[in-house]
Protein backbone atom coordinates (compact mmCIF):
# COMPACT_ATOMS: atom_id res chain seq x y z
CA MET A 1 6.52 15.53 -17.96
CA LEU A 2 8.42 12.91 -19.97
CA ASN A 3 11.08 15.43 -20.87
CA ARG A 4 11.44 16.32 -17.20
CA ILE A 5 11.88 12.66 -16.24
CA LEU A 6 14.46 12.23 -19.00
CA ALA A 7 16.33 15.32 -17.84
CA ILE A 8 16.45 14.04 -14.28
CA VAL A 9 17.72 10.67 -15.42
CA LEU A 10 20.40 12.18 -17.62
CA THR A 11 21.51 14.32 -14.71
CA LEU A 12 21.69 11.31 -12.41
CA ILE A 13 23.74 9.15 -14.77
CA CYS A 14 26.08 11.96 -15.66
CA LEU A 15 27.05 12.76 -12.05
CA GLY A 16 30.79 12.45 -12.55
CA THR A 17 32.64 11.50 -15.74
CA ALA A 18 33.66 8.13 -14.31
CA ARG A 19 30.04 7.06 -13.76
CA ALA A 20 29.00 7.96 -17.27
CA LYS A 21 32.00 6.13 -18.77
CA VAL A 22 31.21 2.96 -16.81
CA LEU A 23 27.60 2.93 -17.99
CA THR A 24 28.58 3.29 -21.63
CA ALA A 25 31.40 0.80 -21.32
CA THR A 26 29.09 -2.21 -21.00
CA PRO A 27 28.45 -4.17 -24.20
CA ALA A 28 24.75 -3.41 -24.06
CA GLY A 29 25.28 0.33 -23.92
CA ASP A 30 22.58 1.95 -21.73
CA SER A 31 20.08 -0.81 -22.41
CA LEU A 32 18.47 -2.32 -19.33
CA ARG A 33 16.99 -5.79 -19.03
CA ALA A 34 15.11 -7.24 -16.08
CA TYR A 35 14.39 -10.84 -15.04
CA TRP A 36 12.74 -12.70 -12.20
CA LEU A 37 14.89 -15.47 -10.73
CA GLU A 38 12.85 -18.24 -9.09
CA ASP A 39 14.71 -20.63 -6.80
CA LYS A 40 14.40 -24.09 -8.38
CA ASP A 41 14.78 -25.78 -4.99
CA PRO A 42 13.06 -23.54 -2.42
CA GLY A 43 13.10 -26.29 0.19
CA THR A 44 10.27 -26.04 2.72
CA ALA A 45 9.39 -22.42 1.93
CA ASP A 46 5.70 -21.93 1.20
CA ARG A 47 6.17 -18.53 -0.43
CA SER A 48 7.68 -17.52 -3.75
CA ASN A 49 10.38 -14.93 -3.09
CA PRO A 50 12.06 -14.32 -6.44
CA LEU A 51 15.15 -12.22 -6.93
CA LEU A 52 14.83 -9.30 -9.32
CA LEU A 53 17.84 -9.18 -11.65
CA ILE A 54 18.55 -5.97 -13.58
CA THR A 55 21.37 -6.02 -16.10
CA HIS A 56 23.12 -3.86 -18.67
CA VAL A 57 24.07 -7.06 -20.48
CA SER A 58 22.35 -10.06 -21.97
CA LEU A 59 22.03 -13.31 -20.05
CA HIS A 60 24.63 -14.94 -22.25
CA GLN A 61 27.10 -12.21 -21.36
CA LEU A 62 26.80 -12.91 -17.65
CA SER A 63 29.65 -15.39 -17.98
CA GLU A 64 31.84 -12.46 -18.97
CA LEU A 65 31.04 -10.37 -15.91
CA ASP A 66 34.53 -10.62 -14.45
CA SER A 67 36.07 -9.07 -17.54
CA LEU A 68 33.32 -6.43 -17.65
CA ARG A 69 34.06 -5.45 -14.05
CA ASP A 70 37.77 -5.18 -14.81
CA GLU A 71 37.01 -3.08 -17.89
CA SER A 72 34.70 -0.79 -15.91
CA LYS A 73 37.26 -0.26 -13.17
CA GLY A 74 39.97 0.44 -15.74
CA GLN A 75 37.87 3.04 -17.57
CA SER A 76 36.70 4.75 -14.41
CA GLY A 77 40.28 5.09 -13.21
CA ASN A 78 38.99 5.06 -9.66
CA GLU A 79 38.00 1.78 -8.05
CA GLU A 80 36.65 3.58 -4.98
CA VAL A 81 34.18 5.53 -7.13
CA LYS A 82 33.14 2.30 -8.84
CA ALA A 83 32.63 0.45 -5.57
CA ASN A 84 30.47 3.23 -4.16
CA TYR A 85 28.08 3.48 -7.08
CA ILE A 86 26.16 0.22 -7.38
CA LEU A 87 24.25 1.31 -10.48
CA ASP A 88 27.47 1.17 -12.46
CA ALA A 89 27.63 -2.61 -11.99
CA PRO A 90 26.84 -4.64 -15.14
CA ALA A 91 24.28 -6.68 -13.19
CA ILE A 92 22.52 -6.01 -9.87
CA TYR A 93 19.76 -7.75 -7.94
CA LEU A 94 17.20 -7.20 -5.21
CA GLU A 95 15.56 -9.74 -2.94
CA THR A 96 11.75 -9.60 -2.92
CA ASP A 97 8.83 -10.93 -0.95
CA GLU A 98 6.50 -12.68 -3.41
CA GLY A 99 7.69 -10.23 -6.05
CA ASP A 100 5.49 -7.66 -4.29
CA SER A 101 7.99 -5.79 -2.12
CA ILE A 102 11.70 -5.48 -1.59
CA TRP A 103 12.87 -7.73 1.24
CA ASN A 104 15.81 -5.92 2.79
CA HIS A 105 17.40 -7.69 5.75
CA ASP A 106 20.74 -5.90 5.85
CA ASP A 107 20.05 -2.27 4.83
CA VAL A 108 21.60 -2.98 1.42
CA PRO A 109 18.65 -3.74 -0.86
CA VAL A 110 20.61 -3.37 -4.12
CA LYS A 111 23.54 -5.75 -4.54
CA GLU A 112 25.94 -6.60 -7.33
CA PHE A 113 25.10 -9.89 -9.05
CA THR A 114 27.87 -12.45 -9.58
CA GLY A 115 25.89 -15.37 -10.98
CA ARG A 116 26.53 -17.33 -14.17
CA LEU A 117 24.25 -18.60 -16.90
CA ALA A 118 23.81 -22.38 -16.85
CA PRO A 119 22.05 -23.32 -20.12
CA ASN A 120 20.47 -26.72 -20.68
CA SER A 121 18.38 -28.37 -23.33
CA THR A 122 14.99 -27.00 -22.35
CA GLU A 123 15.46 -23.87 -20.33
CA GLU A 124 17.89 -21.24 -19.13
CA THR A 125 18.89 -21.19 -15.50
CA ILE A 126 21.29 -19.07 -13.50
CA VAL A 127 23.62 -20.35 -10.80
CA SER A 128 24.57 -17.98 -7.99
CA ASP A 129 26.11 -18.92 -4.64
CA ASP A 130 25.56 -22.58 -5.50
CA ARG A 131 21.82 -22.05 -5.93
CA GLU A 132 20.05 -22.62 -9.21
CA TYR A 133 17.37 -20.19 -10.40
CA GLN A 134 14.74 -20.41 -13.11
CA VAL A 135 14.78 -17.28 -15.30
CA ARG A 136 11.75 -15.45 -16.63
CA PRO A 137 11.53 -11.94 -18.12
CA ALA A 138 10.23 -9.13 -15.92
CA ASP A 139 7.98 -6.39 -17.26
CA LEU A 140 9.73 -3.04 -16.88
CA GLU A 141 6.55 -1.34 -15.73
CA ASP A 142 6.28 -3.87 -12.87
CA VAL A 143 9.93 -3.27 -12.06
CA ALA A 144 9.45 0.50 -11.94
CA ARG A 145 6.45 0.20 -9.64
CA LEU A 146 8.34 -2.11 -7.29
CA LEU A 147 11.20 0.36 -7.06
CA GLU A 148 8.79 3.25 -6.49
CA ASN A 149 6.78 1.33 -3.89
CA PRO A 150 9.37 -0.88 -2.15
CA GLU A 151 7.07 -1.66 0.79
CA GLY A 152 4.66 -3.32 -1.64
CA ASN A 153 0.99 -4.17 -1.18
CA ILE A 154 1.31 -7.08 1.24
CA HIS A 155 1.42 -5.82 4.82
CA LEU A 156 4.56 -7.16 6.55
CA HIS A 157 5.84 -6.60 10.05
CA ARG A 158 9.32 -5.55 8.99
CA LYS A 159 12.39 -5.27 11.16
CA PHE A 160 14.12 -3.30 8.40
CA SER A 161 12.67 -0.81 5.97
CA ALA A 162 12.41 -2.11 2.42
CA ALA A 163 14.36 0.91 1.22
CA GLY A 164 16.70 1.11 4.18
CA GLY A 165 19.37 3.71 3.55
CA ALA A 166 19.16 3.31 -0.21
CA SER A 167 16.00 5.22 -1.11
CA ARG A 168 17.96 7.51 -3.48
CA THR A 169 19.48 4.50 -5.21
CA LEU A 170 16.05 2.95 -5.71
CA HIS A 171 14.69 6.23 -7.03
CA ALA A 172 17.58 6.64 -9.47
CA LEU A 173 17.18 3.05 -10.61
CA SER A 174 13.44 3.51 -11.19
CA LEU A 175 14.18 6.54 -13.36
CA LEU A 176 16.68 4.53 -15.39
CA VAL A 177 14.06 1.83 -15.90
CA ARG A 178 11.46 4.35 -17.05
CA ARG A 179 14.02 5.91 -19.38
CA GLN A 180 14.63 2.48 -20.91
CA MET A 181 10.89 2.16 -21.50
CA MET A 182 10.97 5.47 -23.35
CA ILE A 183 13.87 4.27 -25.51
CA ARG A 184 11.91 1.15 -26.39
CA GLY A 185 8.89 3.22 -27.30
CA GLU A 186 6.78 1.75 -24.51
CA GLU A 187 4.02 3.86 -23.03
CA VAL A 188 5.39 5.72 -20.03
CA GLY A 189 3.41 8.00 -17.80
CA PRO A 190 4.46 9.61 -14.56
CA ALA A 191 4.62 7.28 -11.61
CA ALA A 192 1.09 6.77 -10.40
CA ASP A 193 0.08 8.35 -7.11
CA ARG A 194 -0.67 5.91 -4.33
CA ILE A 195 -3.38 7.12 -1.97
CA ARG A 196 -3.38 5.43 1.43
CA ILE A 197 -6.73 5.46 3.19
CA ALA A 198 -7.54 4.10 6.63
CA ASN A 199 -10.75 3.64 8.58
CA TRP A 200 -10.66 3.27 12.35
CA ASN A 201 -13.15 3.22 15.21
CA VAL A 202 -11.03 4.75 17.98
CA LEU A 203 -13.05 3.74 21.09
CA TYR A 204 -14.56 6.70 22.86
CA GLY A 205 -12.08 9.27 21.59
CA PHE A 206 -8.85 7.22 21.65
CA ASN A 207 -9.69 5.18 24.74
CA HIS A 208 -11.31 8.02 26.67
CA SER A 209 -8.46 10.38 25.66
CA LYS A 210 -5.91 8.17 27.43
CA ALA A 211 -4.20 7.06 24.21
CA VAL A 212 -4.20 10.18 22.04
CA ASP A 213 -0.40 10.31 21.85
CA GLU A 214 -0.06 6.60 21.05
CA ALA A 215 -2.78 6.77 18.40
CA SER A 216 -1.31 9.90 16.83
CA GLN A 217 2.13 8.32 16.63
CA TRP A 218 0.72 5.16 15.06
CA LEU A 219 -1.26 7.16 12.51
CA ALA A 220 1.82 9.23 11.65
CA GLU A 221 3.83 6.05 11.06
CA GLN A 222 1.26 4.80 8.53
CA LYS A 223 1.89 7.80 6.23
CA LEU A 224 -1.78 8.04 5.38
CA ASP A 225 -3.35 10.43 2.92
CA VAL A 226 -6.88 10.13 4.32
CA ALA A 227 -8.19 8.81 7.65
CA ALA A 228 -11.84 8.19 8.52
CA LEU A 229 -12.57 7.88 12.24
CA GLN A 230 -15.52 6.81 14.37
CA GLU A 231 -16.27 7.31 18.08
CA LEU A 232 -14.56 10.68 18.35
CA ASN A 233 -16.29 11.17 21.68
CA GLY A 234 -15.26 14.34 23.46
CA ILE A 235 -13.21 15.56 20.50
CA THR A 236 -14.34 18.79 18.86
CA GLU A 237 -13.57 19.60 15.25
CA SER A 238 -10.90 22.10 16.30
CA LYS A 239 -9.33 19.51 18.61
CA LEU A 240 -9.31 16.91 15.81
CA GLN A 241 -7.61 19.46 13.54
CA GLU A 242 -4.93 19.88 16.20
CA TYR A 243 -4.45 16.12 16.54
CA ALA A 244 -4.45 15.56 12.78
CA LYS A 245 -1.49 17.87 12.28
CA THR A 246 0.61 15.46 14.35
CA TRP A 247 0.01 12.72 11.78
CA GLY A 248 0.62 15.03 8.83
CA HIS A 249 -2.94 16.06 7.94
CA ASP A 250 -3.68 19.77 7.68
CA PHE A 251 -7.43 19.28 7.22
CA ALA A 252 -9.98 17.64 9.52
CA VAL A 253 -13.76 17.72 10.04
CA THR A 254 -16.32 16.06 12.32
CA HIS A 255 -20.04 15.72 11.75
CA LYS A 256 -21.39 16.83 15.14
CA VAL A 257 -20.63 17.89 18.70
CA GLY A 258 -21.39 15.40 21.44
CA GLY A 259 -22.42 11.78 21.26
CA PHE A 260 -20.44 9.56 18.92
CA PRO A 261 -19.07 11.80 16.15
CA VAL A 262 -17.41 10.52 13.00
CA GLY A 263 -14.65 12.46 11.27
CA LEU A 264 -12.33 12.69 8.31
CA THR A 265 -8.74 13.98 8.13
CA SER A 266 -6.70 14.51 4.97
CA LYS A 267 -3.46 15.87 3.61
CA GLU A 268 -5.48 17.72 0.97
CA SER A 269 -8.34 20.16 1.44
CA ILE A 270 -11.74 18.74 2.37
CA GLU A 271 -15.01 19.87 0.85
CA VAL A 272 -17.82 19.25 3.32
CA ILE A 273 -21.00 18.30 1.46
CA GLU A 274 -23.28 17.06 4.25
CA LYS A 275 -23.28 16.44 7.99
CA LYS A 276 -26.29 14.45 9.15
CA SER A 277 -27.50 13.33 12.58
CA ALA A 278 -31.30 13.57 12.46
CA GLY A 279 -32.92 10.23 11.65
CA PHE A 280 -29.70 8.33 12.43
CA HIS A 281 -28.51 6.79 15.66
CA HIS A 282 -25.02 8.27 15.24
CA GLY A 283 -25.12 10.01 11.85
CA PHE A 284 -22.74 10.30 8.90
CA LEU A 285 -20.33 12.66 7.19
CA HIS A 286 -20.13 13.24 3.43
CA CYS A 287 -16.97 14.95 2.22
CA LYS A 288 -14.87 15.17 -0.90
CA THR A 289 -11.08 15.05 -0.94
CA TYR A 290 -8.56 13.69 -3.46
CA GLY A 291 -11.41 13.84 -5.98
CA ILE A 292 -13.32 11.12 -4.09
CA HIS A 293 -16.67 11.32 -2.29
CA PHE A 294 -16.27 9.82 1.19
CA PHE A 295 -19.31 8.72 3.18
CA VAL A 296 -18.08 8.10 6.73
CA VAL A 297 -20.65 5.99 8.58
CA HIS A 298 -21.32 4.40 11.95
CA PHE A 299 -24.41 2.28 11.53
CA TRP A 300 -26.60 1.08 14.37
CA PRO A 301 -27.65 -2.59 14.48
CA GLY A 302 -31.13 -3.15 13.11
CA LYS A 303 -31.53 0.33 11.56
CA SER A 304 -31.27 -0.70 7.91
CA ASN A 305 -32.81 2.60 6.82
CA GLU A 306 -29.44 4.20 7.60
CA VAL A 307 -27.61 2.34 4.83
CA ASP A 308 -30.51 3.02 2.45
CA GLU A 309 -30.10 6.76 3.08
CA ILE A 310 -26.38 6.58 2.31
CA LEU A 311 -26.88 4.64 -0.91
CA SER A 312 -29.57 7.02 -2.14
CA ARG A 313 -27.28 9.99 -1.56
CA ALA A 314 -24.36 8.30 -3.31
CA SER A 315 -26.36 7.17 -6.34
CA PRO A 316 -26.40 10.53 -8.22
CA TYR A 317 -22.61 10.76 -7.99
CA LEU A 318 -22.20 7.31 -9.48
CA ALA A 319 -24.52 8.33 -12.31
CA GLN A 320 -22.14 11.22 -13.02
CA ASN A 321 -19.13 8.84 -13.01
CA GLU A 322 -17.74 10.35 -9.83
CA LYS A 323 -15.69 8.31 -7.37
CA VAL A 324 -17.40 7.10 -4.20
CA ILE A 325 -16.15 5.35 -1.06
CA ILE A 326 -18.39 4.23 1.80
CA LEU A 327 -16.41 3.39 4.91
CA GLY A 328 -16.83 3.03 8.62
CA ASP A 329 -18.13 0.84 11.43
CA PHE A 330 -21.02 -1.09 9.90
CA ASN A 331 -22.00 -3.01 13.06
CA GLY A 332 -22.84 -5.83 10.66
CA CYS A 333 -21.09 -8.71 8.92
CA SER A 334 -20.27 -9.85 5.41
CA ARG A 335 -21.55 -13.10 3.90
CA LYS A 336 -18.03 -13.58 2.58
CA ASP A 337 -17.02 -14.25 6.18
CA GLU A 338 -19.83 -16.67 6.95
CA ALA A 339 -17.72 -19.83 7.22
CA PHE A 340 -15.34 -18.08 9.63
CA LEU A 341 -18.23 -16.65 11.64
CA ILE A 342 -19.95 -20.00 12.02
CA GLU A 343 -16.76 -21.69 13.17
CA HIS A 344 -15.29 -18.98 15.39
CA ALA A 345 -17.68 -16.12 16.25
CA LYS A 346 -20.06 -18.30 18.24
CA LEU A 347 -21.01 -15.49 20.62
CA ARG A 348 -22.02 -13.10 17.84
CA GLU A 349 -25.24 -12.63 15.95
CA ARG A 350 -24.80 -12.45 12.22
CA ASP A 351 -26.52 -9.50 10.53
CA TYR A 352 -25.66 -9.18 6.83
CA THR A 353 -28.20 -6.46 6.00
CA PHE A 354 -25.87 -3.47 5.79
CA VAL A 355 -23.18 -5.16 3.72
CA ASP A 356 -25.70 -6.97 1.51
CA ARG A 357 -27.35 -3.72 0.49
CA VAL A 358 -24.06 -1.98 -0.24
CA GLU A 359 -22.80 -4.90 -2.32
CA ASP A 360 -26.14 -5.16 -4.14
CA GLN A 361 -25.33 -1.72 -5.55
CA GLY A 362 -22.04 -2.99 -6.93
CA TYR A 363 -19.67 -1.59 -4.32
CA VAL A 364 -16.51 -3.64 -3.75
CA ASP A 365 -15.17 -4.77 -0.37
CA LEU A 366 -11.52 -3.79 -0.82
CA VAL A 367 -10.18 -5.81 2.09
CA HIS A 368 -11.80 -8.99 0.83
CA LYS A 369 -10.54 -8.23 -2.68
CA HIS A 370 -6.90 -8.08 -1.58
CA ASP A 371 -6.75 -10.00 1.70
CA PRO A 372 -9.63 -12.49 1.92
CA LYS A 373 -8.07 -14.10 5.00
CA ALA A 374 -8.53 -10.90 7.01
CA LYS A 375 -11.63 -11.73 9.03
CA ILE A 376 -11.20 -9.82 12.30
CA SER A 377 -11.57 -6.08 12.85
CA CYS A 378 -12.68 -6.30 16.49
CA PRO A 379 -12.55 -6.79 19.41
CA SER A 380 -9.01 -6.28 20.63
CA PRO A 381 -7.71 -7.38 24.05
CA ILE A 382 -8.47 -3.94 25.44
CA THR A 383 -12.01 -5.23 25.96
CA ILE A 384 -10.84 -7.65 28.67
CA PRO A 385 -12.33 -7.82 31.31
CA ARG A 386 -15.10 -5.28 30.70
CA TRP A 387 -16.65 -6.80 27.55
CA ALA A 388 -14.92 -10.19 27.53
CA LYS A 389 -13.91 -11.98 30.70
CA ASP A 390 -10.85 -13.67 29.20
CA THR A 391 -8.99 -14.46 25.97
CA GLU A 392 -11.13 -17.52 25.28
CA GLU A 393 -14.32 -15.45 25.30
CA LEU A 394 -12.60 -12.76 23.24
CA ARG A 395 -11.77 -15.29 20.52
CA ARG A 396 -15.40 -16.34 20.29
CA LYS A 397 -16.42 -12.71 19.73
CA GLU A 398 -13.94 -11.84 16.98
CA TYR A 399 -15.45 -10.79 13.68
CA ARG A 400 -15.22 -8.17 10.92
CA ILE A 401 -17.60 -5.23 11.03
CA ASP A 402 -15.37 -2.39 9.75
CA PHE A 403 -15.30 -1.92 5.99
CA ILE A 404 -14.08 0.23 3.11
CA PHE A 405 -16.25 -0.11 0.00
CA ALA A 406 -15.42 1.54 -3.33
CA ASP A 407 -17.61 1.98 -6.37
CA PRO A 408 -16.91 -0.65 -9.08
CA GLU A 409 -14.84 1.62 -11.30
CA LEU A 410 -12.76 3.06 -8.48
CA ALA A 411 -12.19 -0.43 -7.08
CA LYS A 412 -10.28 -1.30 -10.25
CA SER A 413 -7.56 1.11 -9.13
CA SER A 414 -7.16 -0.48 -5.70
CA ARG A 415 -3.79 -2.10 -5.12
CA TYR A 416 -3.95 -3.11 -1.48
CA GLY A 417 -6.37 -3.79 1.35
CA THR A 418 -6.02 -5.36 4.78
CA ILE A 419 -6.79 -5.06 8.49
CA LEU A 420 -3.84 -3.88 10.56
CA ARG A 421 -3.80 -5.92 13.75
CA ASP A 422 -0.70 -4.25 15.14
CA ARG A 423 0.04 -4.77 18.83
CA GLU A 424 0.03 -1.03 19.42
CA ILE A 425 -3.70 -1.00 18.70
CA ASP A 426 -4.44 -3.34 21.61
CA VAL A 427 -4.04 -0.49 24.12
CA ILE A 428 -5.72 2.20 22.00
CA SER A 429 -9.02 0.80 20.69
CA ASP A 430 -11.24 -2.25 20.57
CA HIS A 431 -11.27 -2.01 16.75
CA TYR A 432 -8.39 -2.62 14.36
CA PRO A 433 -7.82 -0.13 11.51
CA VAL A 434 -8.70 -1.04 7.93
CA LEU A 435 -6.18 0.13 5.33
CA ILE A 436 -6.46 0.32 1.54
CA GLU A 437 -4.40 1.87 -1.24
CA LEU A 438 -5.63 3.30 -4.52
CA GLU A 439 -3.49 4.08 -7.55
CA MET A 440 -4.41 7.22 -9.43
CA GLY A 441 -2.38 8.66 -12.30
CA GLN A 442 -1.35 12.29 -12.17
CA SER A 443 -3.52 13.24 -15.14
CA GLU A 444 -6.52 11.70 -13.41
CA ARG A 445 -5.79 13.64 -10.23
CA GLU A 446 -5.39 16.88 -12.16
CA MET A 447 -8.71 16.32 -13.93
CA ASP A 448 -10.47 15.75 -10.59
CA GLU A 449 -8.96 18.92 -9.17
CA GLU A 450 -10.16 20.92 -12.18
CA ASP A 451 -13.69 19.59 -11.69
């Protein structure tokens, strides 16, 4: 695998003699350095949005950038080639949002850096466009992951894609960074796989089948790997398989016909382990995909035996160090939300039984882990006027009852969790989807597949 990555990188940087000459012309050879640049005077901004600086030269050589550019152009013999290949520049930068994602407002995420080092007695700062930045080293592994996941872990309503039209440039740059790690002797594995998982109660089969197209389009846009769904009323397993293909999932199952089915769709094959309705108000589905056991649930208020049944079934898998996720509509609250519930959800009863019992077994609430301010998963405005007479009443009914819980070990690999309160959802369902991301290395995935 490492040799393959190296081969790809060498191919990329040798595309054209001019490109290769420019890279080797810099004083630092093919050495890459990376730094975070924090604005020393951010003004009224309440967020830290550092620039990511990547250079072929040391900080002290930044003052010589003009001569380096002239030298590069002279050796390439073709200024047009040089101008069109940003990775040849001695120093480049990317704007970020909290260092988590690439903030791309003009479809040009990678830009040539023209700043200068401004040393003083206690620290090193860089001046660029009359702004002064504090400099701190960036870990190359963090840099590689940012380039490989430019949308980041913090959900943003973006006008422009983080990658824009430069996805190939970001990919090539990430390979160069990983090659530099190899040269330094740092541990380099293949880029970890990100698995995007959503849970969504879709309101009587996508609003009584009136919003199937809108829901399918929204799901396709999320680029999910796995989707767990509740209230698939009127949707057979074969019909769900048909729908799932429109959002890129070739595999789909439901747990029953009639009533309020739950279901699971996936890009990878699904092993059905158990479908259960008897003894439950709605029932549950236990499947395995991506090497993870998924228990898709739709609990009924007051029937605490339902969560006990799920936990007892999951326990043997935990004992065998297998991965377990319990997700669905819990129809119950979390104590972590109690302050919010007391202040806002004045028209709701607070039942913590389901979540308490799951958390007592060590399972981790992945939304609270990553986005503790996310307190509302329902209801949406679609409930007006049938279940809420107006917006004021709606606000007093808002709470979080939809969850994704992971076993303690699996939770360590989570990188993102939130509730997606997109406007599109307001005309599809009364519940907002819950989204999480897990990071699993390729060797780990291969081992799960062998098992």
